[in-house]
Amino acid sequence: MSTRWYPIYQRGNPQLRVFLPNFWLKLANKSGHKQPENVLQFVCSIQMTKYDVKNYLEKIYNIPVVEVRTRIELGKTKTDPVKGYVTKEDDSKIAYVTLPSDVKFKFPDLFPVDAEKKKQDDSKSLDQAKIAFKKYLDRNKSRPGTPSWFSL
């Protein structure tokens, strides 16, 4: 299902047409309630149905899908404190996709950093900051109450 208009006829042979869907899926973090490891939460286009979500995942990404449940999340409303008008964010559709029980999903680590190296770098910078602060205190021992930006 698409809301885009395509030309019915194009000059030349063969008639080349590319049908692009207006659908999109965004994998969302599991916030709030604890979900099993084989249940994924997607934010999707409001026009998508359960069958569209299932076909999208199976045909494009080759993901086996057992069940799809959807709900519509209402957008937040806010009142402008000065002018008094009300604004509302767009509604969104949330799809809960259940995978087979033998399939476990773990969020990918997009920015992998070696934890030990990060800890070592943090301790090194902390030691440098301590040394610099000690030098600052020793330098300004005779001038109590003078701001740090005021120096000779």
C-alpha atoms as a PDB file:
ATOM      1  CA  MET A   1       0.000   0.000   0.000  1.00  0.00           C
ATOM      2  CA  SER A   2       1.459   3.304  -1.010  1.00  0.00           C
ATOM      3  CA  THR A   3       0.160   6.829  -1.200  1.00  0.00           C
ATOM      4  CA  ARG A   4       2.592   7.868  -3.931  1.00  0.00           C
ATOM      5  CA  TRP A   5       1.293   8.478  -7.449  1.00  0.00           C
ATOM      6  CA  TYR A   6       3.190   6.809 -10.248  1.00  0.00           C
ATOM      7  CA  PRO A   7       2.954   7.551 -13.967  1.00  0.00           C
ATOM      8  CA  ILE A   8       0.763   5.012 -15.721  1.00  0.00           C
ATOM      9  CA  TYR A   9       2.697   5.133 -18.959  1.00  0.00           C
ATOM     10  CA  GLN A  10       6.339   5.832 -19.700  1.00  0.00           C
ATOM     11  CA  ARG A  11       7.829   6.114 -23.175  1.00  0.00           C
ATOM     12  CA  GLY A  12      10.017   3.284 -24.319  1.00  0.00           C
ATOM     13  CA  ASN A  13      10.231  -0.429 -23.741  1.00  0.00           C
ATOM     14  CA  PRO A  14      10.320  -2.107 -21.314  1.00  0.00           C
ATOM     15  CA  GLN A  15       8.037  -0.232 -18.964  1.00  0.00           C
ATOM     16  CA  LEU A  16      10.248   0.280 -15.928  1.00  0.00           C
ATOM     17  CA  ARG A  17       8.480   1.020 -12.696  1.00  0.00           C
ATOM     18  CA  VAL A  18       9.806   0.952  -9.178  1.00  0.00           C
ATOM     19  CA  PHE A  19       7.202   0.823  -6.459  1.00  0.00           C
ATOM     20  CA  LEU A  20       8.556   2.232  -3.220  1.00  0.00           C
ATOM     21  CA  PRO A  21       6.538   1.818  -0.043  1.00  0.00           C
ATOM     22  CA  ASN A  22       5.877   4.697   2.314  1.00  0.00           C
ATOM     23  CA  PHE A  23       6.464   2.307   5.190  1.00  0.00           C
ATOM     24  CA  TRP A  24       9.288   2.477   7.685  1.00  0.00           C
ATOM     25  CA  LEU A  25      10.203   0.622  10.881  1.00  0.00           C
ATOM     26  CA  LYS A  26      12.396   1.848  13.703  1.00  0.00           C
ATOM     27  CA  LEU A  27      13.691  -0.558  16.337  1.00  0.00           C
ATOM     28  CA  ALA A  28      12.951   0.979  19.727  1.00  0.00           C
ATOM     29  CA  ASN A  29      14.580   0.436  23.088  1.00  0.00           C
ATOM     30  CA  LYS A  30      12.529  -1.605  25.460  1.00  0.00           C
ATOM     31  CA  SER A  31      11.509   1.011  27.962  1.00  0.00           C
ATOM     32  CA  GLY A  32       9.124   0.485  30.797  1.00  0.00           C
ATOM     33  CA  HIS A  33       7.961  -3.098  31.088  1.00  0.00           C
ATOM     34  CA  LYS A  34      10.238  -6.116  30.980  1.00  0.00           C
ATOM     35  CA  GLN A  35       9.814  -8.046  27.728  1.00  0.00           C
ATOM     36  CA  PRO A  36      11.134 -11.509  26.866  1.00  0.00           C
ATOM     37  CA  GLU A  37      14.273 -11.691  24.726  1.00  0.00           C
ATOM     38  CA  ASN A  38      12.326 -12.869  21.691  1.00  0.00           C
ATOM     39  CA  VAL A  39       9.958  -9.861  21.653  1.00  0.00           C
ATOM     40  CA  LEU A  40      11.015  -6.759  19.713  1.00  0.00           C
ATOM     41  CA  GLN A  41       9.429  -3.336  19.868  1.00  0.00           C
ATOM     42  CA  PHE A  42       9.226  -1.230  16.707  1.00  0.00           C
ATOM     43  CA  VAL A  43       7.906   2.248  16.061  1.00  0.00           C
ATOM     44  CA  CYS A  44       6.311   2.115  12.631  1.00  0.00           C
ATOM     45  CA  SER A  45       4.314   4.090  10.137  1.00  0.00           C
ATOM     46  CA  ILE A  46       0.782   4.783  11.363  1.00  0.00           C
ATOM     47  CA  GLN A  47      -0.691   3.275   8.148  1.00  0.00           C
ATOM     48  CA  MET A  48       0.997  -0.118   8.620  1.00  0.00           C
ATOM     49  CA  THR A  49      -1.090  -3.091   9.642  1.00  0.00           C
ATOM     50  CA  LYS A  50       0.030  -6.225  11.474  1.00  0.00           C
ATOM     51  CA  TYR A  51       0.312  -8.035   8.169  1.00  0.00           C
ATOM     52  CA  ASP A  52       2.397  -5.260   6.646  1.00  0.00           C
ATOM     53  CA  VAL A  53       4.853  -5.405   9.577  1.00  0.00           C
ATOM     54  CA  LYS A  54       5.110  -9.181   9.340  1.00  0.00           C
ATOM     55  CA  ASN A  55       5.650  -9.161   5.560  1.00  0.00           C
ATOM     56  CA  TYR A  56       8.136  -6.272   5.817  1.00  0.00           C
ATOM     57  CA  LEU A  57      10.334  -8.150   8.311  1.00  0.00           C
ATOM     58  CA  GLU A  58      10.041 -11.534   6.628  1.00  0.00           C
ATOM     59  CA  LYS A  59      10.543 -10.444   3.017  1.00  0.00           C
ATOM     60  CA  ILE A  60      13.154  -7.706   3.412  1.00  0.00           C
ATOM     61  CA  TYR A  61      15.176  -8.803   6.464  1.00  0.00           C
ATOM     62  CA  ASN A  62      14.446 -12.573   6.454  1.00  0.00           C
ATOM     63  CA  ILE A  63      13.389 -12.482  10.107  1.00  0.00           C
ATOM     64  CA  PRO A  64      11.017 -15.278  11.177  1.00  0.00           C
ATOM     65  CA  VAL A  65       7.942 -13.719  12.801  1.00  0.00           C
ATOM     66  CA  VAL A  66       5.445 -15.638  14.937  1.00  0.00           C
ATOM     67  CA  GLU A  67       3.070 -12.866  15.994  1.00  0.00           C
ATOM     68  CA  VAL A  68       2.648  -9.118  15.670  1.00  0.00           C
ATOM     69  CA  ARG A  69       0.654  -6.932  18.058  1.00  0.00           C
ATOM     70  CA  THR A  70       0.184  -3.221  17.447  1.00  0.00           C
ATOM     71  CA  ARG A  71      -1.035  -0.256  19.421  1.00  0.00           C
ATOM     72  CA  ILE A  72      -1.329   3.442  18.719  1.00  0.00           C
ATOM     73  CA  GLU A  73       0.474   5.758  21.111  1.00  0.00           C
ATOM     74  CA  LEU A  74      -1.050   9.210  21.351  1.00  0.00           C
ATOM     75  CA  GLY A  75       1.254  12.190  20.970  1.00  0.00           C
ATOM     76  CA  LYS A  76       1.820  14.463  23.939  1.00  0.00           C
ATOM     77  CA  THR A  77      -0.122  17.709  24.172  1.00  0.00           C
ATOM     78  CA  LYS A  78       1.510  20.867  25.449  1.00  0.00           C
ATOM     79  CA  THR A  79       0.095  24.280  26.254  1.00  0.00           C
ATOM     80  CA  ASP A  80       2.210  27.316  25.477  1.00  0.00           C
ATOM     81  CA  PRO A  81       2.592  29.262  28.758  1.00  0.00           C
ATOM     82  CA  VAL A  82       2.697  32.696  27.099  1.00  0.00           C
ATOM     83  CA  LYS A  83       0.262  32.560  24.197  1.00  0.00           C
ATOM     84  CA  GLY A  84      -1.981  29.802  25.557  1.00  0.00           C
ATOM     85  CA  TYR A  85      -2.358  27.732  22.392  1.00  0.00           C
ATOM     86  CA  VAL A  86      -2.215  23.942  22.507  1.00  0.00           C
ATOM     87  CA  THR A  87       0.188  21.883  20.406  1.00  0.00           C
ATOM     88  CA  LYS A  88       0.124  18.136  19.931  1.00  0.00           C
ATOM     89  CA  GLU A  89       2.901  15.829  18.766  1.00  0.00           C
ATOM     90  CA  ASP A  90       2.151  13.263  16.080  1.00  0.00           C
ATOM     91  CA  ASP A  91       0.671   9.918  17.046  1.00  0.00           C
ATOM     92  CA  SER A  92       2.824   6.839  16.497  1.00  0.00           C
ATOM     93  CA  LYS A  93       2.151   3.154  16.095  1.00  0.00           C
ATOM     94  CA  ILE A  94       4.067   0.676  18.239  1.00  0.00           C
ATOM     95  CA  ALA A  95       4.453  -2.890  16.959  1.00  0.00           C
ATOM     96  CA  TYR A  96       5.444  -5.734  19.273  1.00  0.00           C
ATOM     97  CA  VAL A  97       6.946  -8.524  17.177  1.00  0.00           C
ATOM     98  CA  THR A  98       7.302 -11.994  18.676  1.00  0.00           C
ATOM     99  CA  LEU A  99      10.082 -14.131  17.235  1.00  0.00           C
ATOM    100  CA  PRO A 100      10.314 -17.932  17.598  1.00  0.00           C
ATOM    101  CA  SER A 101      11.292 -19.060  21.105  1.00  0.00           C
ATOM    102  CA  ASP A 102      14.716 -20.311  19.987  1.00  0.00           C
ATOM    103  CA  VAL A 103      15.647 -16.874  18.573  1.00  0.00           C
ATOM    104  CA  LYS A 104      17.128 -14.405  21.064  1.00  0.00           C
ATOM    105  CA  PHE A 105      17.658 -10.752  20.184  1.00  0.00           C
ATOM    106  CA  LYS A 106      20.247  -8.495  21.765  1.00  0.00           C
ATOM    107  CA  PHE A 107      20.613  -4.833  20.849  1.00  0.00           C
ATOM    108  CA  PRO A 108      23.760  -4.300  18.804  1.00  0.00           C
ATOM    109  CA  ASP A 109      26.585  -2.381  20.397  1.00  0.00           C
ATOM    110  CA  LEU A 110      26.895   0.479  17.926  1.00  0.00           C
ATOM    111  CA  PHE A 111      29.798   2.184  19.654  1.00  0.00           C
ATOM    112  CA  PRO A 112      31.980  -0.564  21.107  1.00  0.00           C
ATOM    113  CA  VAL A 113      34.626   0.697  23.478  1.00  0.00           C
ATOM    114  CA  ASP A 114      36.988  -1.494  25.389  1.00  0.00           C
ATOM    115  CA  ALA A 115      35.857  -1.007  28.987  1.00  0.00           C
ATOM    116  CA  GLU A 116      39.317  -1.495  30.467  1.00  0.00           C
ATOM    117  CA  LYS A 117      40.882   1.056  28.114  1.00  0.00           C
ATOM    118  CA  LYS A 118      38.139   3.578  28.882  1.00  0.00           C
ATOM    119  CA  LYS A 119      38.610   3.086  32.619  1.00  0.00           C
ATOM    120  CA  GLN A 120      42.384   3.505  32.248  1.00  0.00           C
ATOM    121  CA  ASP A 121      41.954   6.718  30.224  1.00  0.00           C
ATOM    122  CA  ASP A 122      39.515   8.093  32.802  1.00  0.00           C
ATOM    123  CA  SER A 123      41.878   7.388  35.695  1.00  0.00           C
ATOM    124  CA  LYS A 124      44.771   8.979  33.771  1.00  0.00           C
ATOM    125  CA  SER A 125      42.811  12.186  33.096  1.00  0.00           C
ATOM    126  CA  LEU A 126      41.617  12.258  36.732  1.00  0.00           C
ATOM    127  CA  ASP A 127      45.230  12.050  37.952  1.00  0.00           C
ATOM    128  CA  GLN A 128      46.230  14.899  35.622  1.00  0.00           C
ATOM    129  CA  ALA A 129      43.355  17.028  36.910  1.00  0.00           C
ATOM    130  CA  LYS A 130      44.378  16.370  40.520  1.00  0.00           C
ATOM    131  CA  ILE A 131      47.975  17.415  39.784  1.00  0.00           C
ATOM    132  CA  ALA A 132      46.837  20.593  37.985  1.00  0.00           C
ATOM    133  CA  PHE A 133      44.499  21.534  40.855  1.00  0.00           C
ATOM    134  CA  LYS A 134      47.268  20.970  43.411  1.00  0.00           C
ATOM    135  CA  LYS A 135      49.588  23.260  41.404  1.00  0.00           C
ATOM    136  CA  TYR A 136      46.816  25.881  41.272  1.00  0.00           C
ATOM    137  CA  LEU A 137      46.347  25.735  45.047  1.00  0.00           C
ATOM    138  CA  ASP A 138      50.099  25.999  45.679  1.00  0.00           C
ATOM    139  CA  ARG A 139      50.386  28.946  43.290  1.00  0.00           C
ATOM    140  CA  ASN A 140      47.532  30.887  44.920  1.00  0.00           C
ATOM    141  CA  LYS A 141      48.248  30.032  48.557  1.00  0.00           C
ATOM    142  CA  SER A 142      49.200  33.615  49.408  1.00  0.00           C
ATOM    143  CA  ARG A 143      46.086  35.156  47.736  1.00  0.00           C
ATOM    144  CA  PRO A 144      42.960  33.750  49.475  1.00  0.00           C
ATOM    145  CA  GLY A 145      39.642  34.893  48.036  1.00  0.00           C
ATOM    146  CA  THR A 146      41.063  35.975  44.675  1.00  0.00           C
ATOM    147  CA  PRO A 147      39.079  34.570  41.748  1.00  0.00           C
ATOM    148  CA  SER A 148      40.758  32.059  39.477  1.00  0.00           C
ATOM    149  CA  TRP A 149      40.376  34.193  36.360  1.00  0.00           C
ATOM    150  CA  PHE A 150      42.378  36.992  37.967  1.00  0.00           C
ATOM    151  CA  SER A 151      46.053  36.158  37.694  1.00  0.00           C
ATOM    152  CA  LEU A 152      49.311  38.038  37.497  1.00  0.00           C
END
